[in-house]
Amino acid sequence: MEIIEFFTCSDADRQHWLEEIGKSDWGAGIYLYELLRDGKLRRLCGQATKVLMLTEGRNIVSFCTYAPQDDIPAPELTPWMGFVYTFPKYRGNRMFGKLVEHAVKLAKADSFERIYVSTLETGLYEKYGFTFFQMMTDIHGEPSRVYSRKV
């Protein structure tokens, strides 16, 4: 298993990983695919946004973003993990934890004290050291659970 960052890949590899992300069976995963395909992700989430991919050979196991902004309009809260997804055949093995730890290391290297995630899930992020922060409203006007983790 290896963690690869989408934007640092060669053009040919980036196209391959884009197609792999596009195989996601989750609406937000498809939205990430479209944002990447159309060159809009960094305009939406910030120029420093990274797309982290846990890979096994040429297959993506899990992916997420590490970004200055996410779907919660709260610029004082940063950085964010977003677009968190694990492909079905890899679920249940805590593979996503490898991406969490990588994002936490990035946040620490960037001198942040906390990292945030916005979700409707309960019981998932707690397994990776996150604690409930508060309910907030996302950019679509919908309620979202915001979790944070000390780095």
Protein backbone atom coordinates (compact mmCIF):
# COMPACT_ATOMS: atom_id res chain seq x y z
CA MET A 1 0.00 0.00 0.00
CA GLU A 2 1.19 3.47 -0.87
CA ILE A 3 -0.21 6.97 -0.37
CA ILE A 4 -0.05 9.09 -3.52
CA GLU A 5 -1.00 12.75 -3.93
CA PHE A 6 -3.02 13.37 -7.10
CA PHE A 7 -1.59 16.76 -8.08
CA THR A 8 2.04 15.60 -7.85
CA CYS A 9 1.55 12.71 -10.28
CA SER A 10 2.64 12.84 -13.91
CA ASP A 11 -0.06 13.83 -16.41
CA ALA A 12 -0.50 10.22 -17.56
CA ASP A 13 -0.76 8.92 -13.99
CA ARG A 14 -3.09 11.77 -13.04
CA GLN A 15 -5.45 10.70 -15.84
CA HIS A 16 -5.37 7.10 -14.59
CA TRP A 17 -6.11 8.13 -10.99
CA LEU A 18 -8.87 10.47 -12.16
CA GLU A 19 -10.55 7.56 -13.94
CA GLU A 20 -10.18 5.44 -10.79
CA ILE A 21 -11.80 8.14 -8.64
CA GLY A 22 -14.59 8.27 -11.22
CA LYS A 23 -15.40 4.62 -10.46
CA SER A 24 -16.69 5.62 -7.03
CA ASP A 25 -20.29 4.58 -6.39
CA TRP A 26 -20.86 7.60 -4.11
CA GLY A 27 -22.31 10.95 -5.23
CA ALA A 28 -19.62 13.02 -3.54
CA GLY A 29 -16.92 10.84 -5.11
CA ILE A 30 -18.39 11.54 -8.53
CA TYR A 31 -18.52 15.25 -7.65
CA LEU A 32 -14.81 15.12 -6.73
CA TYR A 33 -14.13 13.41 -10.07
CA GLU A 34 -15.98 16.22 -11.89
CA LEU A 35 -14.17 18.96 -9.94
CA LEU A 36 -10.80 17.38 -10.76
CA ARG A 37 -11.71 16.75 -14.39
CA ASP A 38 -12.84 20.36 -14.82
CA GLY A 39 -9.93 21.86 -12.87
CA LYS A 40 -12.23 23.39 -10.24
CA LEU A 41 -11.32 21.62 -6.99
CA ARG A 42 -8.65 24.08 -5.87
CA ARG A 43 -10.87 27.06 -6.71
CA LEU A 44 -13.54 25.58 -4.43
CA CYS A 45 -11.38 24.25 -1.57
CA GLY A 46 -8.20 26.38 -1.78
CA GLN A 47 -5.01 26.31 -3.80
CA ALA A 48 -3.19 24.20 -1.20
CA THR A 49 -5.71 21.35 -1.55
CA LYS A 50 -4.26 17.86 -1.86
CA VAL A 51 -6.06 14.70 -2.98
CA LEU A 52 -4.65 11.80 -0.98
CA MET A 53 -5.06 8.30 -2.40
CA LEU A 54 -4.22 5.07 -0.63
CA THR A 55 -3.32 2.73 -3.46
CA GLU A 56 -2.63 -0.93 -4.01
CA GLY A 57 -0.78 -1.23 -7.30
CA ARG A 58 -2.87 0.67 -9.84
CA ASN A 59 -6.06 0.49 -7.75
CA ILE A 60 -7.34 3.06 -5.27
CA VAL A 61 -8.24 1.64 -1.89
CA SER A 62 -9.38 4.90 -0.31
CA PHE A 63 -9.19 8.62 -1.02
CA CYS A 64 -9.82 11.98 0.64
CA THR A 65 -8.91 15.62 0.32
CA TYR A 66 -6.75 17.64 2.69
CA ALA A 67 -7.84 21.21 2.13
CA PRO A 68 -8.02 24.72 3.61
CA GLN A 69 -11.82 24.73 3.07
CA ASP A 70 -14.62 22.20 2.79
CA ASP A 71 -18.41 22.41 2.66
CA ILE A 72 -18.70 24.31 5.97
CA PRO A 73 -18.35 28.09 5.51
CA ALA A 74 -16.10 28.65 8.52
CA PRO A 75 -12.72 30.04 7.41
CA GLU A 76 -11.48 30.03 11.01
CA LEU A 77 -11.61 26.21 10.96
CA THR A 78 -8.84 24.67 8.88
CA PRO A 79 -7.59 22.28 7.53
CA TRP A 80 -10.31 19.84 6.50
CA MET A 81 -10.45 16.24 5.41
CA GLY A 82 -13.18 15.89 2.82
CA PHE A 83 -14.52 13.62 0.09
CA VAL A 84 -13.66 10.65 2.31
CA TYR A 85 -14.27 7.36 0.51
CA THR A 86 -13.14 3.73 0.65
CA PHE A 87 -13.97 1.38 -2.20
CA PRO A 88 -16.38 -1.40 -1.12
CA LYS A 89 -13.97 -4.34 -1.43
CA TYR A 90 -11.59 -2.69 1.05
CA ARG A 91 -14.14 -1.64 3.67
CA GLY A 92 -14.07 -3.05 7.17
CA ASN A 93 -10.27 -3.25 7.32
CA ARG A 94 -9.61 0.26 8.68
CA MET A 95 -7.60 1.14 5.58
CA PHE A 96 -8.86 4.72 5.76
CA GLY A 97 -6.90 5.10 8.99
CA LYS A 98 -3.70 5.27 6.94
CA LEU A 99 -5.03 8.38 5.17
CA VAL A 100 -6.16 9.90 8.47
CA GLU A 101 -2.68 9.52 9.93
CA HIS A 102 -1.12 10.97 6.79
CA ALA A 103 -3.47 13.99 6.89
CA VAL A 104 -2.71 14.50 10.59
CA LYS A 105 1.03 14.52 9.78
CA LEU A 106 0.41 17.10 7.04
CA ALA A 107 -1.58 19.27 9.44
CA LYS A 108 1.16 19.05 12.05
CA ALA A 109 3.82 19.94 9.47
CA ASP A 110 1.64 22.91 8.46
CA SER A 111 1.59 24.00 12.15
CA PHE A 112 -2.12 23.43 12.74
CA GLU A 113 -3.43 22.28 16.09
CA ARG A 114 -6.57 20.50 14.83
CA ILE A 115 -7.99 18.92 11.69
CA TYR A 116 -11.72 18.89 10.85
CA VAL A 117 -14.19 16.74 8.96
CA SER A 118 -17.81 17.44 8.02
CA THR A 119 -20.10 14.41 7.78
CA LEU A 120 -23.50 12.90 8.39
CA GLU A 121 -21.84 9.75 9.76
CA THR A 122 -21.79 8.85 13.43
CA GLY A 123 -19.43 6.28 14.89
CA LEU A 124 -16.93 6.28 12.01
CA TYR A 125 -14.55 9.14 12.71
CA GLU A 126 -14.44 8.43 16.44
CA LYS A 127 -12.54 5.23 15.52
CA TYR A 128 -9.76 7.45 14.19
CA GLY A 129 -9.43 9.83 17.13
CA PHE A 130 -11.96 12.47 16.09
CA THR A 131 -14.41 13.95 18.57
CA PHE A 132 -17.70 15.66 17.87
CA PHE A 133 -17.13 19.43 17.63
CA GLN A 134 -20.60 20.81 16.81
CA MET A 135 -23.48 20.80 14.37
CA MET A 136 -22.96 23.36 11.61
CA THR A 137 -24.72 24.31 8.39
CA ASP A 138 -23.01 23.43 5.11
CA ILE A 139 -22.91 25.55 1.94
CA HIS A 140 -26.16 23.94 0.79
CA GLY A 141 -28.01 24.96 3.95
CA GLU A 142 -28.02 21.39 5.29
CA PRO A 143 -26.99 20.41 8.84
CA SER A 144 -23.69 18.58 9.19
CA ARG A 145 -21.81 17.00 12.05
CA VAL A 146 -18.36 18.54 12.37
CA TYR A 147 -15.65 16.50 14.07
CA SER A 148 -12.13 17.55 14.97
CA ARG A 149 -8.96 15.81 15.97
CA LYS A 150 -5.98 17.23 17.75
CA VAL A 151 -2.81 16.89 15.69
